[in-house]
C-alpha atoms as a PDB file:
ATOM      1  CA  MET A   1     101.725 211.525 195.968  1.00  0.00           C
ATOM      2  CA  SER A   2     101.268 208.174 197.716  1.00  0.00           C
ATOM      3  CA  ARG A   3      97.864 209.306 198.999  1.00  0.00           C
ATOM      4  CA  LEU A   4      96.878 210.334 195.460  1.00  0.00           C
ATOM      5  CA  LEU A   5      97.998 206.987 194.045  1.00  0.00           C
ATOM      6  CA  ALA A   6      96.072 205.174 196.748  1.00  0.00           C
ATOM      7  CA  SER A   7      92.941 207.153 195.879  1.00  0.00           C
ATOM      8  CA  VAL A   8      93.319 206.418 192.172  1.00  0.00           C
ATOM      9  CA  LEU A   9      93.847 202.725 192.894  1.00  0.00           C
ATOM     10  CA  ALA A  10      90.798 202.590 195.134  1.00  0.00           C
ATOM     11  CA  LEU A  11      88.677 204.302 192.468  1.00  0.00           C
ATOM     12  CA  THR A  12      89.930 201.937 189.784  1.00  0.00           C
ATOM     13  CA  LEU A  13      89.161 198.893 191.893  1.00  0.00           C
ATOM     14  CA  SER A  14      85.694 200.159 192.700  1.00  0.00           C
ATOM     15  CA  GLN A  15      84.948 200.594 188.990  1.00  0.00           C
ATOM     16  CA  ALA A  16      86.430 197.258 187.873  1.00  0.00           C
ATOM     17  CA  PRO A  17      83.924 194.598 186.790  1.00  0.00           C
ATOM     18  CA  GLN A  18      83.087 192.238 189.627  1.00  0.00           C
ATOM     19  CA  PRO A  19      83.233 188.480 189.112  1.00  0.00           C
ATOM     20  CA  GLY A  20      79.866 186.827 188.816  1.00  0.00           C
ATOM     21  CA  VAL A  21      78.621 183.267 188.516  1.00  0.00           C
ATOM     22  CA  VAL A  22      78.295 180.590 185.839  1.00  0.00           C
ATOM     23  CA  PHE A  23      75.491 178.097 186.469  1.00  0.00           C
ATOM     24  CA  VAL A  24      76.564 174.850 184.787  1.00  0.00           C
ATOM     25  CA  VAL A  25      73.771 172.498 183.703  1.00  0.00           C
ATOM     26  CA  GLY A  26      74.838 169.086 182.456  1.00  0.00           C
ATOM     27  CA  GLY A  27      72.911 166.692 180.260  1.00  0.00           C
ATOM     28  CA  VAL A  28      70.676 163.697 180.905  1.00  0.00           C
ATOM     29  CA  GLY A  29      71.618 160.563 182.757  1.00  0.00           C
ATOM     30  CA  GLY A  30      73.704 162.059 185.550  1.00  0.00           C
ATOM     31  CA  ILE A  31      76.934 161.148 183.752  1.00  0.00           C
ATOM     32  CA  ASP A  32      77.674 164.321 181.822  1.00  0.00           C
ATOM     33  CA  PRO A  33      81.350 165.406 182.101  1.00  0.00           C
ATOM     34  CA  LEU A  34      80.543 169.101 181.630  1.00  0.00           C
ATOM     35  CA  THR A  35      80.790 170.142 185.279  1.00  0.00           C
ATOM     36  CA  PRO A  36      84.201 168.623 186.106  1.00  0.00           C
ATOM     37  CA  SER A  37      85.529 169.870 182.764  1.00  0.00           C
ATOM     38  CA  ALA A  38      84.212 173.383 183.417  1.00  0.00           C
ATOM     39  CA  GLU A  39      85.526 173.467 186.990  1.00  0.00           C
ATOM     40  CA  TRP A  40      88.991 172.544 185.734  1.00  0.00           C
ATOM     41  CA  ALA A  41      89.188 174.404 182.417  1.00  0.00           C
ATOM     42  CA  LEU A  42      87.357 177.704 182.860  1.00  0.00           C
ATOM     43  CA  PRO A  43      89.416 179.160 185.737  1.00  0.00           C
ATOM     44  CA  ARG A  44      92.592 178.196 183.903  1.00  0.00           C
ATOM     45  CA  ALA A  45      91.276 180.003 180.825  1.00  0.00           C
ATOM     46  CA  GLY A  46      90.879 183.235 182.787  1.00  0.00           C
ATOM     47  CA  VAL A  47      87.166 183.036 183.587  1.00  0.00           C
ATOM     48  CA  PRO A  48      86.951 184.844 186.948  1.00  0.00           C
ATOM     49  CA  HIS A  49      83.455 183.771 187.920  1.00  0.00           C
ATOM     50  CA  GLU A  50      82.225 181.264 190.458  1.00  0.00           C
ATOM     51  CA  ILE A  51      81.314 177.935 188.835  1.00  0.00           C
ATOM     52  CA  ARG A  52      78.098 176.444 190.247  1.00  0.00           C
ATOM     53  CA  ASP A  53      76.911 172.973 189.318  1.00  0.00           C
ATOM     54  CA  PHE A  54      73.128 172.680 189.003  1.00  0.00           C
ATOM     55  CA  ARG A  55      72.119 169.032 189.346  1.00  0.00           C
ATOM     56  CA  TRP A  56      68.708 168.167 188.020  1.00  0.00           C
ATOM     57  CA  THR A  57      68.635 164.569 186.761  1.00  0.00           C
ATOM     58  CA  TYR A  58      66.977 161.510 188.284  1.00  0.00           C
ATOM     59  CA  GLY A  59      70.434 160.027 188.784  1.00  0.00           C
ATOM     60  CA  THR A  60      73.150 158.009 187.139  1.00  0.00           C
ATOM     61  CA  GLY A  61      71.962 156.174 184.033  1.00  0.00           C
ATOM     62  CA  SER A  62      68.451 157.658 183.979  1.00  0.00           C
ATOM     63  CA  ILE A  63      68.788 158.883 180.406  1.00  0.00           C
ATOM     64  CA  LEU A  64      65.250 158.253 179.135  1.00  0.00           C
ATOM     65  CA  HIS A  65      63.576 159.416 182.350  1.00  0.00           C
ATOM     66  CA  ASP A  66      65.446 162.714 182.173  1.00  0.00           C
ATOM     67  CA  LEU A  67      64.890 163.112 178.444  1.00  0.00           C
ATOM     68  CA  GLN A  68      61.174 162.409 178.418  1.00  0.00           C
ATOM     69  CA  ASP A  69      59.883 163.827 181.689  1.00  0.00           C
ATOM     70  CA  PHE A  70      59.271 167.410 180.631  1.00  0.00           C
ATOM     71  CA  ARG A  71      57.212 168.199 183.747  1.00  0.00           C
ATOM     72  CA  ARG A  72      60.178 167.368 185.968  1.00  0.00           C
ATOM     73  CA  LEU A  73      62.528 169.314 183.721  1.00  0.00           C
ATOM     74  CA  HIS A  74      60.252 172.353 183.886  1.00  0.00           C
ATOM     75  CA  GLY A  75      60.076 172.032 187.672  1.00  0.00           C
ATOM     76  CA  LYS A  76      63.856 172.009 187.844  1.00  0.00           C
ATOM     77  CA  ALA A  77      63.908 175.029 185.515  1.00  0.00           C
ATOM     78  CA  VAL A  78      61.714 176.856 188.031  1.00  0.00           C
ATOM     79  CA  GLU A  79      64.236 175.901 190.719  1.00  0.00           C
ATOM     80  CA  LEU A  80      67.179 177.179 188.664  1.00  0.00           C
ATOM     81  CA  ALA A  81      65.366 180.420 187.879  1.00  0.00           C
ATOM     82  CA  GLY A  82      64.841 180.891 191.621  1.00  0.00           C
ATOM     83  CA  LEU A  83      68.568 180.473 192.269  1.00  0.00           C
ATOM     84  CA  VAL A  84      69.319 183.048 189.582  1.00  0.00           C
ATOM     85  CA  ARG A  85      66.863 185.508 191.117  1.00  0.00           C
ATOM     86  CA  ASP A  86      68.384 184.979 194.561  1.00  0.00           C
ATOM     87  CA  TYR A  87      71.859 185.655 193.197  1.00  0.00           C
ATOM     88  CA  ARG A  88      70.663 188.764 191.369  1.00  0.00           C
ATOM     89  CA  THR A  89      69.082 190.079 194.579  1.00  0.00           C
ATOM     90  CA  ALA A  90      72.260 189.459 196.571  1.00  0.00           C
ATOM     91  CA  HIS A  91      74.608 190.740 193.846  1.00  0.00           C
ATOM     92  CA  PRO A  92      72.707 193.207 191.655  1.00  0.00           C
ATOM     93  CA  ASP A  93      75.775 194.355 189.700  1.00  0.00           C
ATOM     94  CA  ARG A  94      77.449 191.018 189.009  1.00  0.00           C
ATOM     95  CA  PRO A  95      77.042 189.057 185.754  1.00  0.00           C
ATOM     96  CA  ILE A  96      75.175 185.759 185.611  1.00  0.00           C
ATOM     97  CA  TYR A  97      75.777 183.168 182.902  1.00  0.00           C
ATOM     98  CA  LEU A  98      74.073 179.884 182.046  1.00  0.00           C
ATOM     99  CA  LEU A  99      76.152 177.107 180.465  1.00  0.00           C
ATOM    100  CA  GLY A 100      74.139 174.061 179.430  1.00  0.00           C
ATOM    101  CA  HIS A 101      74.924 170.861 177.547  1.00  0.00           C
ATOM    102  CA  SER A 102      72.470 168.596 175.714  1.00  0.00           C
ATOM    103  CA  GLY A 103      69.311 168.258 177.836  1.00  0.00           C
ATOM    104  CA  GLY A 104      70.803 170.762 180.250  1.00  0.00           C
ATOM    105  CA  ALA A 105      70.774 173.307 177.444  1.00  0.00           C
ATOM    106  CA  GLY A 106      67.012 172.854 177.203  1.00  0.00           C
ATOM    107  CA  LEU A 107      66.643 173.278 180.952  1.00  0.00           C
ATOM    108  CA  SER A 108      68.751 176.446 180.794  1.00  0.00           C
ATOM    109  CA  LEU A 109      66.453 177.908 178.141  1.00  0.00           C
ATOM    110  CA  GLU A 110      63.353 176.998 180.140  1.00  0.00           C
ATOM    111  CA  ALA A 111      64.816 178.681 183.228  1.00  0.00           C
ATOM    112  CA  ALA A 112      65.799 181.796 181.286  1.00  0.00           C
ATOM    113  CA  ALA A 113      62.261 182.141 179.961  1.00  0.00           C
ATOM    114  CA  LEU A 114      61.041 182.533 183.559  1.00  0.00           C
ATOM    115  CA  LEU A 115      63.347 185.452 184.369  1.00  0.00           C
ATOM    116  CA  PRO A 116      62.793 189.212 184.136  1.00  0.00           C
ATOM    117  CA  PRO A 117      64.296 191.049 181.150  1.00  0.00           C
ATOM    118  CA  ALA A 118      68.096 191.459 181.055  1.00  0.00           C
ATOM    119  CA  THR A 119      68.665 189.295 184.143  1.00  0.00           C
ATOM    120  CA  LEU A 120      71.380 187.197 182.505  1.00  0.00           C
ATOM    121  CA  GLU A 121      74.575 188.320 180.857  1.00  0.00           C
ATOM    122  CA  ARG A 122      74.793 185.470 178.343  1.00  0.00           C
ATOM    123  CA  ILE A 123      73.655 181.889 177.712  1.00  0.00           C
ATOM    124  CA  VAL A 124      76.004 179.337 176.148  1.00  0.00           C
ATOM    125  CA  LEU A 125      74.465 176.165 174.713  1.00  0.00           C
ATOM    126  CA  LEU A 126      76.533 173.086 173.915  1.00  0.00           C
ATOM    127  CA  SER A 127      74.965 170.402 171.686  1.00  0.00           C
ATOM    128  CA  ALA A 128      71.452 171.464 172.639  1.00  0.00           C
ATOM    129  CA  ALA A 129      68.901 168.620 172.778  1.00  0.00           C
ATOM    130  CA  VAL A 130      65.951 170.837 171.846  1.00  0.00           C
ATOM    131  CA  SER A 131      64.004 171.196 168.625  1.00  0.00           C
ATOM    132  CA  PRO A 132      65.492 173.364 165.858  1.00  0.00           C
ATOM    133  CA  GLY A 133      62.365 175.528 165.950  1.00  0.00           C
ATOM    134  CA  TYR A 134      62.444 176.067 169.710  1.00  0.00           C
ATOM    135  CA  ASP A 135      61.317 179.646 170.393  1.00  0.00           C
ATOM    136  CA  LEU A 136      64.298 181.442 171.889  1.00  0.00           C
ATOM    137  CA  THR A 137      62.516 184.780 172.202  1.00  0.00           C
ATOM    138  CA  PRO A 138      61.732 184.514 175.962  1.00  0.00           C
ATOM    139  CA  ALA A 139      65.299 183.431 176.761  1.00  0.00           C
ATOM    140  CA  LEU A 140      66.746 186.194 174.588  1.00  0.00           C
ATOM    141  CA  ARG A 141      64.559 188.720 176.373  1.00  0.00           C
ATOM    142  CA  ALA A 142      66.061 187.617 179.697  1.00  0.00           C
ATOM    143  CA  THR A 143      69.608 187.973 178.347  1.00  0.00           C
ATOM    144  CA  ARG A 144      71.571 191.202 177.924  1.00  0.00           C
ATOM    145  CA  GLY A 145      74.060 189.701 175.498  1.00  0.00           C
ATOM    146  CA  GLU A 146      73.951 186.732 173.198  1.00  0.00           C
ATOM    147  CA  ILE A 147      72.715 183.193 173.210  1.00  0.00           C
ATOM    148  CA  VAL A 148      75.673 181.281 171.795  1.00  0.00           C
ATOM    149  CA  SER A 149      74.921 177.809 170.441  1.00  0.00           C
ATOM    150  CA  PHE A 150      77.598 175.303 169.420  1.00  0.00           C
ATOM    151  CA  HIS A 151      76.280 172.564 167.135  1.00  0.00           C
ATOM    152  CA  SER A 152      77.639 169.789 164.930  1.00  0.00           C
ATOM    153  CA  ASP A 153      76.086 167.910 162.009  1.00  0.00           C
ATOM    154  CA  LEU A 154      78.267 164.944 163.008  1.00  0.00           C
ATOM    155  CA  ASP A 155      76.384 164.543 166.307  1.00  0.00           C
ATOM    156  CA  ARG A 156      74.248 161.916 164.601  1.00  0.00           C
ATOM    157  CA  LEU A 157      73.950 159.234 167.270  1.00  0.00           C
ATOM    158  CA  TRP A 158      72.709 161.326 170.209  1.00  0.00           C
ATOM    159  CA  LEU A 159      71.080 164.294 168.496  1.00  0.00           C
ATOM    160  CA  GLY A 160      70.137 162.609 165.228  1.00  0.00           C
ATOM    161  CA  TRP A 161      69.012 159.033 165.766  1.00  0.00           C
ATOM    162  CA  GLY A 162      68.561 159.384 169.535  1.00  0.00           C
ATOM    163  CA  THR A 163      66.249 162.382 169.559  1.00  0.00           C
ATOM    164  CA  THR A 164      64.396 161.089 166.492  1.00  0.00           C
ATOM    165  CA  GLN A 165      63.602 157.842 168.333  1.00  0.00           C
ATOM    166  CA  PHE A 166      63.104 159.139 171.870  1.00  0.00           C
ATOM    167  CA  GLY A 167      62.471 162.865 171.460  1.00  0.00           C
ATOM    168  CA  THR A 168      64.154 166.038 172.620  1.00  0.00           C
ATOM    169  CA  VAL A 169      63.591 167.501 176.065  1.00  0.00           C
ATOM    170  CA  ASP A 170      60.853 169.723 174.579  1.00  0.00           C
ATOM    171  CA  ARG A 171      59.182 166.589 173.143  1.00  0.00           C
ATOM    172  CA  TYR A 172      60.091 167.012 169.475  1.00  0.00           C
ATOM    173  CA  TYR A 173      60.950 163.861 167.496  1.00  0.00           C
ATOM    174  CA  GLY A 174      63.690 164.563 165.006  1.00  0.00           C
ATOM    175  CA  PRO A 175      67.250 165.889 164.726  1.00  0.00           C
ATOM    176  CA  SER A 176      68.015 168.448 167.440  1.00  0.00           C
ATOM    177  CA  ALA A 177      69.209 172.026 167.216  1.00  0.00           C
ATOM    178  CA  GLY A 178      72.515 170.754 168.590  1.00  0.00           C
ATOM    179  CA  ARG A 179      72.959 168.937 165.292  1.00  0.00           C
ATOM    180  CA  THR A 180      71.261 171.165 162.706  1.00  0.00           C
ATOM    181  CA  GLY A 181      71.300 174.583 164.368  1.00  0.00           C
ATOM    182  CA  PHE A 182      68.286 176.696 165.319  1.00  0.00           C
ATOM    183  CA  THR A 183      65.822 178.054 162.797  1.00  0.00           C
ATOM    184  CA  VAL A 184      64.188 181.454 163.197  1.00  0.00           C
ATOM    185  CA  PRO A 185      60.435 181.037 163.840  1.00  0.00           C
ATOM    186  CA  ALA A 186      58.089 182.433 161.232  1.00  0.00           C
ATOM    187  CA  GLY A 187      55.834 185.337 162.103  1.00  0.00           C
ATOM    188  CA  LEU A 188      58.082 187.088 164.608  1.00  0.00           C
ATOM    189  CA  ASP A 189      57.260 190.708 165.336  1.00  0.00           C
ATOM    190  CA  GLU A 190      59.885 193.435 165.080  1.00  0.00           C
ATOM    191  CA  GLU A 191      60.995 192.927 168.686  1.00  0.00           C
ATOM    192  CA  GLY A 192      61.369 189.197 168.145  1.00  0.00           C
ATOM    193  CA  ARG A 193      63.405 189.637 164.966  1.00  0.00           C
ATOM    194  CA  ALA A 194      65.674 192.101 166.745  1.00  0.00           C
ATOM    195  CA  ALA A 195      66.122 189.634 169.617  1.00  0.00           C
ATOM    196  CA  TYR A 196      67.146 186.859 167.227  1.00  0.00           C
ATOM    197  CA  GLU A 197      69.976 189.030 165.967  1.00  0.00           C
ATOM    198  CA  ARG A 198      71.652 188.149 169.286  1.00  0.00           C
ATOM    199  CA  LEU A 199      71.636 184.430 168.481  1.00  0.00           C
ATOM    200  CA  VAL A 200      75.176 183.325 167.601  1.00  0.00           C
ATOM    201  CA  GLN A 201      75.406 179.862 166.043  1.00  0.00           C
ATOM    202  CA  VAL A 202      78.811 178.189 165.903  1.00  0.00           C
ATOM    203  CA  PRO A 203      78.952 175.026 163.753  1.00  0.00           C
ATOM    204  CA  TRP A 204      81.586 172.324 163.893  1.00  0.00           C
ATOM    205  CA  ARG A 205      84.257 172.866 161.232  1.00  0.00           C
ATOM    206  CA  PRO A 206      86.480 170.293 159.505  1.00  0.00           C
ATOM    207  CA  GLU A 207      89.634 172.064 160.675  1.00  0.00           C
ATOM    208  CA  LEU A 208      88.723 171.016 164.217  1.00  0.00           C
ATOM    209  CA  LEU A 209      89.902 167.546 163.214  1.00  0.00           C
ATOM    210  CA  LEU A 210      93.414 168.928 163.687  1.00  0.00           C
ATOM    211  CA  GLU A 211      92.492 169.253 167.376  1.00  0.00           C
ATOM    212  CA  ALA A 212      91.183 165.671 167.488  1.00  0.00           C
ATOM    213  CA  ASN A 213      87.651 167.034 167.631  1.00  0.00           C
ATOM    214  CA  VAL A 214      85.450 164.738 165.543  1.00  0.00           C
ATOM    215  CA  GLY A 215      82.221 166.620 166.218  1.00  0.00           C
ATOM    216  CA  GLY A 216      80.609 164.075 168.501  1.00  0.00           C
ATOM    217  CA  HIS A 217      78.134 164.777 171.265  1.00  0.00           C
ATOM    218  CA  HIS A 218      80.709 165.255 174.010  1.00  0.00           C
ATOM    219  CA  ALA A 219      83.282 167.121 171.940  1.00  0.00           C
ATOM    220  CA  THR A 220      81.837 170.415 173.185  1.00  0.00           C
ATOM    221  CA  VAL A 221      82.453 169.572 176.844  1.00  0.00           C
ATOM    222  CA  ARG A 222      86.114 168.624 176.525  1.00  0.00           C
ATOM    223  CA  PRO A 223      88.415 170.832 178.613  1.00  0.00           C
ATOM    224  CA  ASP A 224      90.381 171.974 175.554  1.00  0.00           C
ATOM    225  CA  PHE A 225      87.177 172.993 173.752  1.00  0.00           C
ATOM    226  CA  LEU A 226      85.888 174.872 176.795  1.00  0.00           C
ATOM    227  CA  THR A 227      89.229 176.639 177.160  1.00  0.00           C
ATOM    228  CA  LYS A 228      89.578 177.755 173.556  1.00  0.00           C
ATOM    229  CA  TYR A 229      86.032 178.297 172.329  1.00  0.00           C
ATOM    230  CA  VAL A 230      83.666 178.657 175.295  1.00  0.00           C
ATOM    231  CA  ALA A 231      85.684 180.616 177.852  1.00  0.00           C
ATOM    232  CA  PRO A 232      85.871 183.787 175.691  1.00  0.00           C
ATOM    233  CA  TRP A 233      82.066 184.047 175.900  1.00  0.00           C
ATOM    234  CA  LEU A 234      82.234 183.903 179.704  1.00  0.00           C
ATOM    235  CA  ARG A 235      84.724 186.724 180.208  1.00  0.00           C
END
């Protein structure tokens, strides 16, 4: 009986989902609190995956350089896509997630667009500093599951006035998708429309005030928000 139980246990363990990796991509300026928040909150919320910080900015305080240098951002997206490919080669059966905040959300989408179909398990965007009409089709094609985007109409300083004055990371001047939500591009073919059905948009809600969440730009990277609302998409 003990040998039978051991065999059953071994089979169960071999079939259990293996932990993967979450690539965390913070925003512009080198001061984004996403990574330390994610490293603290996600494991405590039951996310079993390795948390990897992808640093891409010019450095601390370089907000405008990071925001406006799309060529550098695209180069860093190529670098991130290479890391994802390397991980997929080394661990072909393990899930890969991208978690990006603000400008890092734009970099995550650029990286995803460079990957083969169904490479990623899911992409989670927090307060994305990209245009509302940004074409998500290439990133959706690279993703088995959903692209989940958290946005807030109250993010008016950073993703309203800020991106209207200085532009988004994809060089659009106006309120960002992280404030207004994404719009579905016109003229999509059947495949594109089907892909957009996997876009999940989660707006800020007034009841979040009971959690002291006022819908600002960094509300989505707070440890309590990551624990309650983001972690379920990474499990």
